Amino acid sequence: MRRLVALVLGTWSVLSCASSTACPFETVAPPPGELSMGFYTINAYALAPTDAGARCELDDVTEADFAFDIALSQNPDAGETFMTMEQGYSRAATWDGQVVRSTESARRYFEQCSECVTRVEETIELALLSASQAAAAGNTCPANPLDGGVPAANDAGVFPPGPRAMGFDALLACGALNTQVVVDEGLPDGGPCPSICSSCRTSYVLQGARR
């Protein structure tokens, strides 16, 4: 569980590569699943602490921009989708035909919450844009890609992402990453954990392209 993504670089420092630059995508084996949805380099841009949902006052959390690589894949017949992170860790995901979503959590120690049992929960949401959707959006991530910003399929030649004769049709990956600290157990004497622990949240805008 130490290879969870953005319990990540510079932010949570759980990955083995702890810089704020992109880590290489190192997989010993191919990502799981019969259908590759592509390999993507994702840039994560930290939202300001004043933005809704993005605030953390724990000393050992640094909110900074970073980059990471992922692979997306499927077992279509079984309805399974996978998000494989750097260093080869694969986590379960869902796919609704436009957006891939994955939530994971891992135990995490914080100095200011040292007497409590805490973990970090992370959700990654990525809207995949097909070549025609990307072209309609000016070949850049649109505003609000998770909330109506992706050009819709139409009769003018805009198609949703999906398998094609030449492979999976998806060029851009655009979305959000949200993390929060969850308190599972309070103080040893039964008292509550300091509120600073359960109020820690960080949010990132994600923008990436297929490699």
Protein backbone atom coordinates (compact mmCIF):
# COMPACT_ATOMS: atom_id res chain seq x y z
CA MET A 1 0.00 0.00 0.00
CA ARG A 2 3.01 2.34 0.15
CA ARG A 3 2.82 2.75 -3.61
CA LEU A 4 -0.54 4.48 -3.67
CA VAL A 5 -0.23 7.37 -6.07
CA ALA A 6 -0.75 10.72 -4.66
CA LEU A 7 -0.45 9.73 -1.23
CA VAL A 8 2.19 10.93 -3.49
CA LEU A 9 5.29 12.75 -4.47
CA GLY A 10 6.03 15.76 -2.38
CA THR A 11 2.45 15.81 -1.10
CA TRP A 12 2.23 12.80 1.17
CA SER A 13 5.70 11.31 0.46
CA VAL A 14 4.43 7.73 0.45
CA LEU A 15 5.88 6.80 -2.93
CA SER A 16 9.42 5.54 -3.10
CA CYS A 17 10.29 8.42 -5.47
CA ALA A 18 9.82 11.45 -3.24
CA SER A 19 10.66 14.36 -5.52
CA SER A 20 8.20 16.86 -6.97
CA THR A 21 9.01 15.89 -10.55
CA ALA A 22 7.63 13.04 -12.62
CA CYS A 23 8.76 9.54 -11.73
CA PRO A 24 9.42 6.94 -14.44
CA PHE A 25 6.70 4.40 -15.09
CA GLU A 26 8.36 1.19 -13.93
CA THR A 27 6.29 -1.95 -14.23
CA VAL A 28 7.68 -5.45 -13.85
CA ALA A 29 4.65 -6.94 -15.58
CA PRO A 30 2.09 -5.46 -17.99
CA PRO A 31 -0.94 -3.79 -16.37
CA PRO A 32 -3.81 -6.24 -15.72
CA GLY A 33 -6.68 -6.66 -18.13
CA GLU A 34 -7.14 -7.66 -21.74
CA LEU A 35 -7.72 -4.15 -23.12
CA SER A 36 -5.21 -1.31 -22.79
CA MET A 37 -6.78 2.12 -22.46
CA GLY A 38 -3.39 3.80 -22.71
CA PHE A 39 -0.45 5.15 -20.72
CA TYR A 40 -0.72 8.77 -19.58
CA THR A 41 1.55 11.40 -18.08
CA ILE A 42 -0.52 13.47 -15.64
CA ASN A 43 0.29 16.91 -14.27
CA ALA A 44 -1.31 17.68 -10.90
CA TYR A 45 -1.85 21.35 -10.04
CA ALA A 46 -2.57 22.12 -6.39
CA LEU A 47 -5.62 24.25 -5.66
CA ALA A 48 -5.08 27.16 -3.33
CA PRO A 49 -5.98 26.49 0.33
CA THR A 50 -8.80 29.03 0.04
CA ASP A 51 -10.53 26.96 -2.64
CA ALA A 52 -13.43 24.75 -1.60
CA GLY A 53 -12.31 21.37 -0.32
CA ALA A 54 -8.59 22.20 -0.30
CA ARG A 55 -7.16 22.94 3.12
CA CYS A 56 -4.59 21.18 5.28
CA GLU A 57 -2.72 22.64 8.22
CA LEU A 58 -0.63 19.61 9.13
CA ASP A 59 3.07 20.49 9.19
CA ASP A 60 4.21 17.37 7.33
CA VAL A 61 1.92 17.90 4.34
CA THR A 62 3.30 20.05 1.53
CA GLU A 63 0.85 21.08 -1.17
CA ALA A 64 2.78 21.50 -4.42
CA ASP A 65 2.40 20.70 -8.10
CA PHE A 66 3.78 17.36 -9.26
CA ALA A 67 3.53 14.86 -12.11
CA PHE A 68 3.01 11.12 -12.33
CA ASP A 69 2.37 8.37 -14.88
CA ILE A 70 -0.49 5.89 -14.97
CA ALA A 71 -1.75 3.07 -17.17
CA LEU A 72 -5.45 2.36 -17.64
CA SER A 73 -6.77 -1.04 -18.65
CA GLN A 74 -9.87 -3.22 -18.66
CA ASN A 75 -11.34 -6.68 -18.70
CA PRO A 76 -14.43 -5.67 -20.71
CA ASP A 77 -16.26 -8.99 -20.40
CA ALA A 78 -15.93 -8.96 -16.61
CA GLY A 79 -16.68 -5.25 -16.31
CA GLU A 80 -13.33 -4.63 -14.59
CA THR A 81 -11.24 -1.48 -14.90
CA PHE A 82 -7.75 -0.96 -13.49
CA MET A 83 -5.60 2.08 -12.75
CA THR A 84 -1.93 1.10 -12.55
CA MET A 85 0.32 3.57 -10.81
CA GLU A 86 4.02 4.20 -10.99
CA GLN A 87 6.10 1.28 -9.75
CA GLY A 88 3.41 -1.12 -11.01
CA TYR A 89 0.77 -0.93 -8.25
CA SER A 90 -2.71 -1.60 -9.73
CA ARG A 91 -5.90 -0.46 -8.06
CA ALA A 92 -9.55 -1.08 -8.91
CA ALA A 93 -11.42 1.60 -10.83
CA THR A 94 -14.78 2.21 -12.47
CA TRP A 95 -15.51 3.35 -16.01
CA ASP A 96 -18.77 4.93 -17.17
CA GLY A 97 -17.78 5.39 -20.80
CA GLN A 98 -16.21 8.82 -20.22
CA VAL A 99 -14.74 8.97 -16.71
CA VAL A 100 -12.39 6.63 -14.85
CA ARG A 101 -12.68 6.80 -11.05
CA SER A 102 -10.58 5.12 -8.38
CA THR A 103 -10.53 5.51 -4.58
CA GLU A 104 -7.89 4.00 -2.30
CA SER A 105 -6.66 4.56 1.24
CA ALA A 106 -3.57 3.76 3.28
CA ARG A 107 -2.41 4.16 6.87
CA ARG A 108 -0.36 7.33 7.34
CA TYR A 109 1.48 8.78 10.35
CA PHE A 110 1.36 12.52 11.02
CA GLU A 111 3.40 14.13 13.79
CA GLN A 112 0.50 16.26 15.02
CA CYS A 113 -1.79 13.21 15.08
CA SER A 114 0.80 10.78 16.44
CA GLU A 115 -1.40 9.33 19.19
CA CYS A 116 -4.29 8.65 16.81
CA VAL A 117 -4.77 6.05 14.09
CA THR A 118 -5.06 7.87 10.78
CA ARG A 119 -5.09 7.06 7.09
CA VAL A 120 -5.20 9.03 3.87
CA GLU A 121 -8.06 8.45 1.43
CA GLU A 122 -7.45 9.43 -2.16
CA THR A 123 -9.83 9.70 -5.11
CA ILE A 124 -8.67 10.12 -8.70
CA GLU A 125 -11.22 11.02 -11.38
CA LEU A 126 -10.17 11.32 -15.03
CA ALA A 127 -12.35 12.14 -18.01
CA LEU A 128 -10.80 10.57 -21.10
CA LEU A 129 -11.21 12.56 -24.32
CA SER A 130 -11.22 10.77 -27.66
CA ALA A 131 -9.29 12.25 -30.58
CA SER A 132 -12.43 13.93 -31.90
CA GLN A 133 -13.40 15.26 -28.46
CA ALA A 134 -9.85 16.57 -27.93
CA ALA A 135 -9.94 18.33 -31.31
CA ALA A 136 -13.31 19.90 -30.46
CA ALA A 137 -11.81 21.13 -27.18
CA GLY A 138 -8.81 22.69 -28.92
CA ASN A 139 -6.52 19.80 -27.97
CA THR A 140 -6.42 20.92 -24.36
CA CYS A 141 -8.28 19.94 -21.22
CA PRO A 142 -11.61 21.79 -21.11
CA ALA A 143 -12.94 23.60 -18.07
CA ASN A 144 -15.03 21.40 -15.79
CA PRO A 145 -14.18 18.09 -17.52
CA LEU A 146 -16.04 16.15 -14.82
CA ASP A 147 -19.13 18.34 -14.95
CA GLY A 148 -20.27 18.81 -18.53
CA GLY A 149 -17.12 20.35 -19.97
CA VAL A 150 -16.20 17.50 -22.31
CA PRO A 151 -17.58 17.94 -25.87
CA ALA A 152 -20.51 15.55 -26.26
CA ALA A 153 -20.73 12.96 -29.01
CA ASN A 154 -22.75 14.23 -31.97
CA ASP A 155 -23.52 13.64 -35.64
CA ALA A 156 -20.76 16.04 -36.70
CA GLY A 157 -18.00 13.51 -36.11
CA VAL A 158 -17.40 13.77 -32.37
CA PHE A 159 -17.19 10.32 -30.80
CA PRO A 160 -16.75 9.17 -27.18
CA PRO A 161 -13.58 7.36 -26.12
CA GLY A 162 -13.52 3.63 -26.64
CA PRO A 163 -11.96 0.72 -28.49
CA ARG A 164 -11.39 1.21 -32.22
CA ALA A 165 -9.73 -0.87 -34.92
CA MET A 166 -6.42 0.93 -34.29
CA GLY A 167 -6.64 0.69 -30.47
CA PHE A 168 -8.34 2.54 -27.65
CA ASP A 169 -9.35 6.03 -28.77
CA ALA A 170 -8.34 8.43 -25.98
CA LEU A 171 -5.80 11.25 -26.19
CA LEU A 172 -6.33 13.43 -23.13
CA ALA A 173 -6.99 12.68 -19.47
CA CYS A 174 -8.50 15.55 -17.47
CA GLY A 175 -9.96 15.63 -14.00
CA ALA A 176 -9.26 15.93 -10.30
CA LEU A 177 -7.43 14.34 -7.40
CA ASN A 178 -8.76 14.76 -3.86
CA THR A 179 -7.19 13.51 -0.65
CA GLN A 180 -8.29 13.68 2.95
CA VAL A 181 -7.03 12.46 6.30
CA VAL A 182 -9.42 10.07 8.03
CA VAL A 183 -9.23 9.41 11.77
CA ASP A 184 -10.00 5.75 12.53
CA GLU A 185 -9.15 5.83 16.25
CA GLY A 186 -8.80 8.74 18.66
CA LEU A 187 -6.48 9.20 21.63
CA PRO A 188 -5.52 6.21 23.83
CA ASP A 189 -7.60 7.62 26.72
CA GLY A 190 -10.69 7.63 24.52
CA GLY A 191 -10.58 11.35 23.79
CA PRO A 192 -11.02 12.80 20.30
CA CYS A 193 -8.13 13.26 17.92
CA PRO A 194 -7.18 16.94 17.34
CA SER A 195 -9.53 18.54 14.82
CA ILE A 196 -6.56 19.54 12.66
CA CYS A 197 -6.24 15.86 11.69
CA SER A 198 -9.75 15.22 10.38
CA SER A 199 -9.93 18.62 8.64
CA CYS A 200 -6.91 17.98 6.38
CA ARG A 201 -7.89 17.92 2.69
CA THR A 202 -5.98 18.65 -0.50
CA SER A 203 -7.29 19.03 -4.04
CA TYR A 204 -5.58 19.04 -7.42
CA VAL A 205 -6.58 19.71 -11.01
CA LEU A 206 -5.30 16.91 -13.26
CA GLN A 207 -4.31 17.48 -16.89
CA GLY A 208 -2.53 14.88 -18.97
CA ALA A 209 -1.96 13.35 -22.36
CA ARG A 210 -1.48 9.87 -23.71
CA ARG A 211 2.14 8.86 -24.14
